């Protein structure tokens, strides 16, 4: 935002990109959660929404604390560190989900074709 806030046009473009990135996160993450545990889909979507709201409400407090303790010049590196930690947590979660998924069953058409040949 420091580079784009000098003019209204660049600020609008930056906010549109920010909004699209945020919007583009929710659906894939929900799909990932439902794919991991389809039987718990209603609970997982509710917890996902609640977690997003909690994170959005805590973010200003964390940002203000970082400003008060470290100063404005450290806000970017602190934010980048939190992004890297979040990415690492997402990758670890992906590995855990992938490790615990059962092997895929053959498609019904494949089973029927094998039975017909027998």
N, C-alpha and C. Protein backbone atom coordinates (compact mmCIF):
# COMPACT_ATOMS: atom_id res chain seq x y z
N UNK A 1 0.80 -1.21 0.00
CA UNK A 1 0.00 0.00 0.00
C UNK A 1 0.84 1.28 0.00
N UNK A 2 2.06 1.28 0.54
CA UNK A 2 2.81 2.54 0.51
C UNK A 2 3.05 3.03 -0.92
N UNK A 3 3.23 2.12 -1.88
CA UNK A 3 3.48 2.53 -3.26
C UNK A 3 2.20 2.90 -3.97
N UNK A 4 1.08 2.31 -3.58
CA UNK A 4 -0.16 2.54 -4.32
C UNK A 4 -1.06 3.61 -3.70
N UNK A 5 -0.78 4.05 -2.50
CA UNK A 5 -1.68 4.99 -1.83
C UNK A 5 -1.44 6.45 -2.22
N UNK A 6 -0.46 6.70 -3.06
CA UNK A 6 -0.17 8.08 -3.46
C UNK A 6 -1.26 8.66 -4.37
N UNK A 7 -1.92 7.79 -5.15
CA UNK A 7 -2.97 8.23 -6.07
C UNK A 7 -4.19 7.33 -5.91
N UNK A 8 -5.36 7.89 -6.11
CA UNK A 8 -6.60 7.14 -5.92
C UNK A 8 -6.71 5.97 -6.90
N UNK A 9 -6.25 6.15 -8.13
CA UNK A 9 -6.34 5.08 -9.13
C UNK A 9 -5.51 3.86 -8.76
N UNK A 10 -4.29 4.10 -8.31
CA UNK A 10 -3.45 2.96 -7.93
C UNK A 10 -3.93 2.31 -6.64
N UNK A 11 -4.51 3.09 -5.74
CA UNK A 11 -5.07 2.53 -4.51
C UNK A 11 -6.26 1.64 -4.82
N UNK A 12 -7.12 2.06 -5.76
CA UNK A 12 -8.28 1.25 -6.14
C UNK A 12 -7.81 -0.06 -6.76
N UNK A 13 -6.82 -0.01 -7.64
CA UNK A 13 -6.29 -1.23 -8.26
C UNK A 13 -5.72 -2.17 -7.19
N UNK A 14 -4.96 -1.63 -6.26
CA UNK A 14 -4.37 -2.45 -5.19
C UNK A 14 -5.47 -3.10 -4.34
N UNK A 15 -6.51 -2.36 -4.02
CA UNK A 15 -7.59 -2.92 -3.21
C UNK A 15 -8.40 -3.97 -3.97
N UNK A 16 -8.55 -3.80 -5.27
CA UNK A 16 -9.24 -4.81 -6.08
C UNK A 16 -8.42 -6.09 -6.12
N UNK A 17 -7.13 -5.98 -6.33
CA UNK A 17 -6.26 -7.17 -6.34
C UNK A 17 -6.30 -7.84 -4.97
N UNK A 18 -6.24 -7.08 -3.90
CA UNK A 18 -6.31 -7.61 -2.54
C UNK A 18 -7.62 -8.37 -2.33
N UNK A 19 -8.72 -7.78 -2.75
CA UNK A 19 -10.02 -8.43 -2.60
C UNK A 19 -10.13 -9.71 -3.40
N UNK A 20 -9.62 -9.70 -4.63
CA UNK A 20 -9.66 -10.92 -5.46
C UNK A 20 -8.82 -12.03 -4.85
N UNK A 21 -7.68 -11.68 -4.30
CA UNK A 21 -6.83 -12.70 -3.67
C UNK A 21 -7.52 -13.28 -2.43
N UNK A 22 -8.14 -12.45 -1.65
CA UNK A 22 -8.86 -12.93 -0.47
C UNK A 22 -10.05 -13.78 -0.84
N UNK A 23 -10.80 -13.38 -1.86
CA UNK A 23 -11.96 -14.13 -2.32
C UNK A 23 -11.52 -15.47 -2.91
N UNK A 24 -10.41 -15.48 -3.61
CA UNK A 24 -9.93 -16.69 -4.24
C UNK A 24 -9.33 -17.70 -3.26
N UNK A 25 -9.19 -17.34 -2.01
CA UNK A 25 -8.64 -18.24 -1.00
C UNK A 25 -9.72 -19.10 -0.35
N UNK A 26 -10.88 -18.52 -0.09
CA UNK A 26 -11.89 -19.18 0.72
C UNK A 26 -12.42 -20.46 0.06
N UNK A 27 -12.77 -20.41 -1.20
CA UNK A 27 -13.37 -21.57 -1.86
C UNK A 27 -12.39 -22.74 -1.97
N UNK A 28 -11.16 -22.55 -2.44
CA UNK A 28 -10.24 -23.70 -2.49
C UNK A 28 -9.94 -24.29 -1.11
N UNK A 29 -9.84 -23.44 -0.11
CA UNK A 29 -9.55 -23.94 1.24
C UNK A 29 -10.74 -24.75 1.76
N UNK A 30 -11.96 -24.29 1.51
CA UNK A 30 -13.14 -25.04 1.92
C UNK A 30 -13.21 -26.37 1.19
N UNK A 31 -12.91 -26.38 -0.09
CA UNK A 31 -12.90 -27.61 -0.87
C UNK A 31 -11.87 -28.60 -0.31
N UNK A 32 -10.72 -28.08 0.07
CA UNK A 32 -9.67 -28.91 0.64
C UNK A 32 -10.11 -29.54 1.96
N UNK A 33 -10.76 -28.75 2.79
CA UNK A 33 -11.25 -29.27 4.07
C UNK A 33 -12.31 -30.34 3.86
N UNK A 34 -13.25 -30.09 2.97
CA UNK A 34 -14.32 -31.06 2.71
C UNK A 34 -13.74 -32.34 2.10
N UNK A 35 -12.75 -32.19 1.22
CA UNK A 35 -12.10 -33.36 0.64
C UNK A 35 -11.38 -34.21 1.67
N UNK A 36 -10.87 -33.58 2.71
CA UNK A 36 -10.16 -34.32 3.76
C UNK A 36 -11.11 -35.12 4.64
N UNK A 37 -12.28 -34.55 4.93
CA UNK A 37 -13.26 -35.23 5.79
C UNK A 37 -14.67 -34.93 5.30
N UNK A 38 -15.13 -35.63 4.26
CA UNK A 38 -16.45 -35.33 3.70
C UNK A 38 -17.60 -35.50 4.70
N UNK A 39 -17.48 -36.44 5.61
CA UNK A 39 -18.57 -36.67 6.57
C UNK A 39 -18.74 -35.50 7.54
N UNK A 40 -17.71 -34.73 7.74
CA UNK A 40 -17.76 -33.60 8.68
C UNK A 40 -17.86 -32.26 7.96
N UNK A 41 -18.33 -32.27 6.71
CA UNK A 41 -18.35 -31.05 5.90
C UNK A 41 -19.09 -29.88 6.57
N UNK A 42 -20.30 -30.08 7.13
CA UNK A 42 -20.97 -28.92 7.75
C UNK A 42 -20.18 -28.32 8.91
N UNK A 43 -19.60 -29.18 9.73
CA UNK A 43 -18.82 -28.68 10.86
C UNK A 43 -17.56 -27.97 10.37
N UNK A 44 -16.90 -28.54 9.37
CA UNK A 44 -15.66 -27.94 8.87
C UNK A 44 -15.89 -26.59 8.22
N UNK A 45 -16.98 -26.45 7.46
CA UNK A 45 -17.24 -25.15 6.85
C UNK A 45 -17.56 -24.10 7.91
N UNK A 46 -18.26 -24.50 8.95
CA UNK A 46 -18.54 -23.57 10.05
C UNK A 46 -17.28 -23.16 10.79
N UNK A 47 -16.43 -24.14 11.08
CA UNK A 47 -15.17 -23.83 11.77
C UNK A 47 -14.26 -22.97 10.89
N UNK A 48 -14.26 -23.24 9.59
CA UNK A 48 -13.44 -22.44 8.68
C UNK A 48 -13.90 -20.99 8.67
N UNK A 49 -15.20 -20.78 8.58
CA UNK A 49 -15.74 -19.41 8.61
C UNK A 49 -15.41 -18.72 9.93
N UNK A 50 -15.60 -19.44 11.02
CA UNK A 50 -15.32 -18.85 12.33
C UNK A 50 -13.84 -18.49 12.46
N UNK A 51 -12.97 -19.35 11.96
CA UNK A 51 -11.53 -19.09 12.03
C UNK A 51 -11.15 -17.86 11.23
N UNK A 52 -11.77 -17.70 10.06
CA UNK A 52 -11.50 -16.50 9.26
C UNK A 52 -11.92 -15.24 10.00
N UNK A 53 -13.09 -15.28 10.66
CA UNK A 53 -13.55 -14.11 11.41
C UNK A 53 -12.64 -13.82 12.60
N UNK A 54 -12.20 -14.85 13.30
CA UNK A 54 -11.31 -14.65 14.44
C UNK A 54 -9.98 -14.06 13.96
N UNK A 55 -9.45 -14.62 12.86
CA UNK A 55 -8.19 -14.09 12.32
C UNK A 55 -8.31 -12.64 11.89
N UNK A 56 -9.43 -12.30 11.24
CA UNK A 56 -9.63 -10.92 10.80
C UNK A 56 -9.80 -9.97 11.98
N UNK A 57 -10.34 -10.47 13.08
CA UNK A 57 -10.51 -9.59 14.24
C UNK A 57 -9.24 -9.47 15.07
N UNK A 58 -8.37 -10.47 15.02
CA UNK A 58 -7.12 -10.41 15.77
C UNK A 58 -6.05 -9.62 15.01
N UNK A 59 -6.12 -9.60 13.69
CA UNK A 59 -5.08 -8.97 12.86
C UNK A 59 -4.80 -7.51 13.24
N UNK A 60 -5.81 -6.68 13.47
CA UNK A 60 -5.49 -5.30 13.85
C UNK A 60 -4.75 -5.20 15.19
N UNK A 61 -5.07 -6.07 16.13
CA UNK A 61 -4.40 -6.06 17.43
C UNK A 61 -2.93 -6.45 17.26
N UNK A 62 -2.69 -7.48 16.46
CA UNK A 62 -1.31 -7.91 16.21
C UNK A 62 -0.55 -6.81 15.47
N UNK A 63 -1.18 -6.21 14.47
CA UNK A 63 -0.53 -5.13 13.72
C UNK A 63 -0.20 -3.94 14.60
N UNK A 64 -1.13 -3.56 15.45
CA UNK A 64 -0.88 -2.42 16.35
C UNK A 64 0.21 -2.75 17.36
N UNK A 65 0.21 -3.99 17.86
CA UNK A 65 1.27 -4.40 18.78
C UNK A 65 2.63 -4.37 18.12
N UNK A 66 2.68 -4.81 16.85
CA UNK A 66 3.94 -4.77 16.11
C UNK A 66 4.39 -3.33 15.89
N UNK A 67 3.46 -2.45 15.58
CA UNK A 67 3.81 -1.03 15.39
C UNK A 67 4.34 -0.42 16.68
N UNK A 68 3.69 -0.72 17.80
CA UNK A 68 4.10 -0.14 19.08
C UNK A 68 5.46 -0.66 19.54
N UNK A 69 5.71 -1.93 19.34
CA UNK A 69 6.95 -2.53 19.85
C UNK A 69 8.13 -2.39 18.89
N UNK A 70 7.89 -2.58 17.59
CA UNK A 70 9.00 -2.64 16.64
C UNK A 70 9.11 -1.39 15.77
N UNK A 71 8.02 -0.69 15.59
CA UNK A 71 8.04 0.49 14.73
C UNK A 71 7.56 0.17 13.33
N UNK A 72 7.29 1.22 12.60
CA UNK A 72 6.70 1.09 11.28
C UNK A 72 7.63 0.40 10.28
N UNK A 73 8.92 0.53 10.45
CA UNK A 73 9.87 -0.04 9.50
C UNK A 73 9.94 -1.57 9.58
N UNK A 74 9.52 -2.13 10.69
CA UNK A 74 9.56 -3.58 10.86
C UNK A 74 8.22 -4.24 10.54
N UNK A 75 7.21 -3.48 10.23
CA UNK A 75 5.88 -4.05 9.97
C UNK A 75 5.90 -4.99 8.77
N UNK A 76 6.59 -4.64 7.70
CA UNK A 76 6.69 -5.50 6.52
C UNK A 76 7.38 -6.83 6.81
N UNK A 77 8.58 -6.80 7.41
CA UNK A 77 9.24 -8.07 7.74
C UNK A 77 8.44 -8.94 8.71
N UNK A 78 7.77 -8.32 9.67
CA UNK A 78 6.94 -9.10 10.60
C UNK A 78 5.79 -9.75 9.84
N UNK A 79 5.15 -8.99 8.97
CA UNK A 79 4.06 -9.56 8.15
C UNK A 79 4.56 -10.67 7.25
N UNK A 80 5.72 -10.49 6.64
CA UNK A 80 6.29 -11.52 5.77
C UNK A 80 6.61 -12.78 6.57
N UNK A 81 7.10 -12.62 7.78
CA UNK A 81 7.37 -13.78 8.63
C UNK A 81 6.10 -14.55 8.94
N UNK A 82 5.03 -13.83 9.26
CA UNK A 82 3.75 -14.49 9.53
C UNK A 82 3.23 -15.20 8.29
N UNK A 83 3.41 -14.62 7.11
CA UNK A 83 2.99 -15.27 5.86
C UNK A 83 3.77 -16.55 5.63
N UNK A 84 5.08 -16.52 5.86
CA UNK A 84 5.91 -17.71 5.69
C UNK A 84 5.49 -18.80 6.68
N UNK A 85 5.21 -18.42 7.92
CA UNK A 85 4.74 -19.39 8.91
C UNK A 85 3.40 -20.00 8.50
N UNK A 86 2.50 -19.18 7.99
CA UNK A 86 1.20 -19.68 7.54
C UNK A 86 1.36 -20.62 6.35
N UNK A 87 2.24 -20.27 5.42
CA UNK A 87 2.51 -21.15 4.28
C UNK A 87 3.10 -22.47 4.74
N UNK A 88 4.01 -22.43 5.68
CA UNK A 88 4.58 -23.66 6.22
C UNK A 88 3.53 -24.53 6.89
N UNK A 89 2.65 -23.91 7.67
CA UNK A 89 1.57 -24.67 8.32
C UNK A 89 0.64 -25.29 7.28
N UNK A 90 0.35 -24.56 6.21
CA UNK A 90 -0.50 -25.10 5.15
C UNK A 90 0.15 -26.28 4.45
N UNK A 91 1.45 -26.20 4.21
CA UNK A 91 2.16 -27.30 3.56
C UNK A 91 2.24 -28.53 4.46
N UNK A 92 2.48 -28.34 5.74
CA UNK A 92 2.50 -29.46 6.68
C UNK A 92 1.12 -30.12 6.74
N UNK A 93 0.08 -29.30 6.78
CA UNK A 93 -1.28 -29.83 6.79
C UNK A 93 -1.56 -30.62 5.52
N UNK A 94 -1.12 -30.11 4.38
CA UNK A 94 -1.31 -30.81 3.12
C UNK A 94 -0.63 -32.18 3.15
N UNK A 95 0.58 -32.24 3.67
CA UNK A 95 1.29 -33.51 3.77
C UNK A 95 0.58 -34.49 4.69
N UNK A 96 0.07 -33.99 5.81
CA UNK A 96 -0.66 -34.85 6.75
C UNK A 96 -1.93 -35.38 6.11
N UNK A 97 -2.69 -34.52 5.45
CA UNK A 97 -3.93 -34.95 4.80
C UNK A 97 -3.62 -35.98 3.71
N UNK A 98 -2.61 -35.70 2.94
CA UNK A 98 -2.25 -36.61 1.84
C UNK A 98 -1.79 -37.97 2.38
N UNK A 99 -1.08 -37.96 3.49
CA UNK A 99 -0.56 -39.19 4.08
C UNK A 99 -1.70 -40.06 4.64
N UNK A 100 -2.74 -39.44 5.16
CA UNK A 100 -3.82 -40.18 5.81
C UNK A 100 -5.00 -40.50 4.90
N UNK A 101 -4.96 -40.08 3.64
CA UNK A 101 -6.06 -40.40 2.74
C UNK A 101 -5.98 -41.86 2.32
N UNK A 102 -7.15 -42.54 2.28
CA UNK A 102 -7.14 -43.93 1.82
C UNK A 102 -6.86 -43.98 0.32
N UNK A 103 -6.40 -45.15 -0.14
CA UNK A 103 -6.13 -45.32 -1.57
C UNK A 103 -7.42 -45.19 -2.35
N UNK A 104 -7.33 -44.61 -3.52
CA UNK A 104 -8.51 -44.40 -4.35
C UNK A 104 -9.04 -45.73 -4.85
N UNK A 105 -10.37 -45.87 -4.81
CA UNK A 105 -11.00 -47.09 -5.32
C UNK A 105 -11.17 -46.96 -6.83
N UNK A 106 -11.16 -48.09 -7.55
CA UNK A 106 -11.35 -48.00 -9.00
C UNK A 106 -12.74 -47.49 -9.34
N UNK A 107 -12.84 -46.84 -10.46
CA UNK A 107 -14.12 -46.29 -10.90
C UNK A 107 -15.08 -47.43 -11.22
N UNK A 108 -16.39 -47.22 -11.06
CA UNK A 108 -17.37 -48.29 -11.33
C UNK A 108 -17.27 -48.84 -12.75
N UNK A 109 -16.97 -48.01 -13.74
CA UNK A 109 -16.87 -48.49 -15.12
C UNK A 109 -15.71 -49.47 -15.26
N UNK A 110 -14.62 -49.23 -14.56
CA UNK A 110 -13.46 -50.13 -14.61
C UNK A 110 -13.80 -51.47 -13.99
N UNK A 111 -14.50 -51.45 -12.88
CA UNK A 111 -14.88 -52.69 -12.21
C UNK A 111 -15.82 -53.49 -13.11
N UNK A 112 -16.79 -52.82 -13.73
CA UNK A 112 -17.74 -53.49 -14.61
C UNK A 112 -17.04 -54.08 -15.82
N UNK A 113 -16.08 -53.37 -16.40
CA UNK A 113 -15.36 -53.89 -17.55
C UNK A 113 -14.53 -55.10 -17.19
N UNK A 114 -13.92 -55.10 -16.01
CA UNK A 114 -13.13 -56.25 -15.58
C UNK A 114 -14.03 -57.46 -15.33
N UNK A 115 -15.20 -57.23 -14.75
CA UNK A 115 -16.14 -58.33 -14.49
C UNK A 115 -16.66 -58.92 -15.80
N UNK A 116 -16.86 -58.10 -16.81
CA UNK A 116 -17.37 -58.59 -18.09
C UNK A 116 -16.34 -59.45 -18.79
N UNK A 117 -15.05 -59.16 -18.61
CA UNK A 117 -13.98 -59.93 -19.26
C UNK A 117 -13.78 -61.27 -18.58
N UNK A 118 -14.15 -61.39 -17.33
CA UNK A 118 -13.91 -62.62 -16.55
C UNK A 118 -14.82 -63.73 -16.95
